Amino acid sequence: MFELIMLAAAGVGTVAGYLKSRQFVRQRLRFVDAAHQPSAPVVAGAVAALAAAPVVWLLPVLGAGTALIFGAGRGWGSGSCTGRATSSGCRRASRGAFLSTAPRR
């Protein structure tokens, strides 16, 4: 029973990491060219896995696989808007829908 709870906690952490990193890339990094490079999701996932490693070390119940899956979720989330514009939010950003609404001269 305890293992099932830990598996659910790892799944929730992975999904939350995916959604938060996707939201961050779409809202805050939409005009940053480095965030849309093909290597950005790999770097984001590796950094997230390394950041989760001390937490996993302090809570050995979670295991190293939890840190790896969390890093993979962060990487996929940050890579969801890189490369080709596949989601609707990325398409709108590439068309300039999120540009400033300042009056034109």
Protein backbone atom coordinates (compact mmCIF):
# COMPACT_ATOMS: atom_id res chain seq x y z
CA MET A 1 0.00 0.00 0.00
CA PHE A 2 2.82 2.38 0.90
CA GLU A 3 4.54 1.73 -2.44
CA LEU A 4 1.34 2.61 -4.29
CA ILE A 5 1.14 5.92 -2.45
CA MET A 6 4.76 6.70 -3.33
CA LEU A 7 4.10 5.80 -6.97
CA ALA A 8 1.13 8.16 -7.02
CA ALA A 9 3.26 10.91 -5.43
CA ALA A 10 5.94 10.42 -8.09
CA GLY A 11 3.31 10.58 -10.84
CA VAL A 12 1.77 13.75 -9.44
CA GLY A 13 5.22 15.34 -9.16
CA THR A 14 6.05 14.43 -12.74
CA VAL A 15 2.77 15.76 -14.15
CA ALA A 16 3.07 18.94 -12.08
CA GLY A 17 6.64 19.44 -13.29
CA TYR A 18 5.57 18.95 -16.89
CA LEU A 19 2.68 21.41 -16.65
CA LYS A 20 4.63 24.10 -14.77
CA SER A 21 7.62 23.99 -17.11
CA ARG A 22 5.34 24.08 -20.16
CA GLN A 23 3.50 27.07 -18.74
CA PHE A 24 6.78 28.83 -17.90
CA VAL A 25 8.19 28.34 -21.40
CA ARG A 26 4.96 29.44 -23.08
CA GLN A 27 4.48 32.56 -20.95
CA ARG A 28 7.88 33.77 -19.81
CA LEU A 29 10.33 32.41 -22.37
CA ARG A 30 8.33 32.74 -25.58
CA PHE A 31 10.67 35.38 -27.03
CA VAL A 32 13.92 33.87 -25.73
CA ASP A 33 15.67 32.13 -28.61
CA ALA A 34 17.76 29.86 -26.37
CA ALA A 35 14.60 28.35 -24.85
CA HIS A 36 13.51 27.14 -28.28
CA GLN A 37 16.74 25.36 -29.19
CA PRO A 38 16.56 21.58 -29.63
CA SER A 39 18.96 21.06 -26.72
CA ALA A 40 16.90 23.11 -24.22
CA PRO A 41 14.64 20.23 -23.08
CA VAL A 42 17.64 17.98 -22.47
CA VAL A 43 19.36 20.64 -20.38
CA ALA A 44 16.17 21.43 -18.45
CA GLY A 45 15.54 17.75 -17.72
CA ALA A 46 19.10 17.11 -16.59
CA VAL A 47 19.10 20.15 -14.30
CA ALA A 48 15.74 19.14 -12.80
CA ALA A 49 16.93 15.57 -12.20
CA LEU A 50 20.11 16.84 -10.54
CA ALA A 51 18.09 19.26 -8.42
CA ALA A 52 15.77 16.45 -7.32
CA ALA A 53 18.67 14.13 -6.45
CA PRO A 54 19.33 15.59 -2.95
CA VAL A 55 15.64 15.31 -2.10
CA VAL A 56 15.67 11.67 -3.18
CA TRP A 57 18.83 11.12 -1.16
CA LEU A 58 17.11 12.53 1.95
CA LEU A 59 13.95 10.50 1.32
CA PRO A 60 15.22 7.09 0.20
CA VAL A 61 11.66 5.79 -0.05
CA LEU A 62 11.24 7.67 -3.33
CA GLY A 63 14.25 6.20 -5.13
CA ALA A 64 16.45 7.48 -7.93
CA GLY A 65 13.84 6.62 -10.56
CA THR A 66 11.60 9.33 -9.17
CA ALA A 67 14.25 11.98 -9.79
CA LEU A 68 14.80 10.69 -13.32
CA ILE A 69 11.09 10.66 -14.12
CA PHE A 70 10.70 14.14 -12.63
CA GLY A 71 13.56 15.37 -14.83
CA ALA A 72 12.00 13.74 -17.88
CA GLY A 73 8.68 15.47 -17.15
CA ARG A 74 10.39 18.84 -16.85
CA GLY A 75 12.28 18.22 -20.08
CA TRP A 76 9.16 17.23 -21.99
CA GLY A 77 7.32 20.23 -20.59
CA SER A 78 9.99 22.68 -21.65
CA GLY A 79 10.26 20.98 -25.03
CA SER A 80 6.55 21.14 -25.76
CA CYS A 81 6.93 24.56 -27.41
CA THR A 82 10.35 24.15 -29.00
CA GLY A 83 11.00 23.50 -32.64
CA ARG A 84 7.85 23.45 -34.74
CA ALA A 85 4.81 25.18 -33.33
CA THR A 86 2.57 22.24 -32.52
CA SER A 87 0.31 23.48 -29.75
CA SER A 88 -2.17 26.30 -30.21
CA GLY A 89 -0.40 28.59 -27.75
CA CYS A 90 2.88 28.19 -29.62
CA ARG A 91 1.18 28.87 -32.95
CA ARG A 92 -0.40 32.05 -31.59
CA ALA A 93 2.97 33.21 -30.24
CA SER A 94 4.70 32.53 -33.55
CA ARG A 95 2.05 34.59 -35.38
CA GLY A 96 2.59 37.51 -33.02
CA ALA A 97 -0.67 37.22 -31.10
CA PHE A 98 1.16 37.73 -27.80
CA LEU A 99 3.07 40.80 -28.88
CA SER A 100 2.63 44.06 -27.08
CA THR A 101 -0.66 45.86 -27.67
CA ALA A 102 0.99 49.29 -27.70
CA PRO A 103 -0.53 51.67 -30.24
CA ARG A 104 1.11 51.69 -33.65
CA ARG A 105 2.77 54.81 -34.96
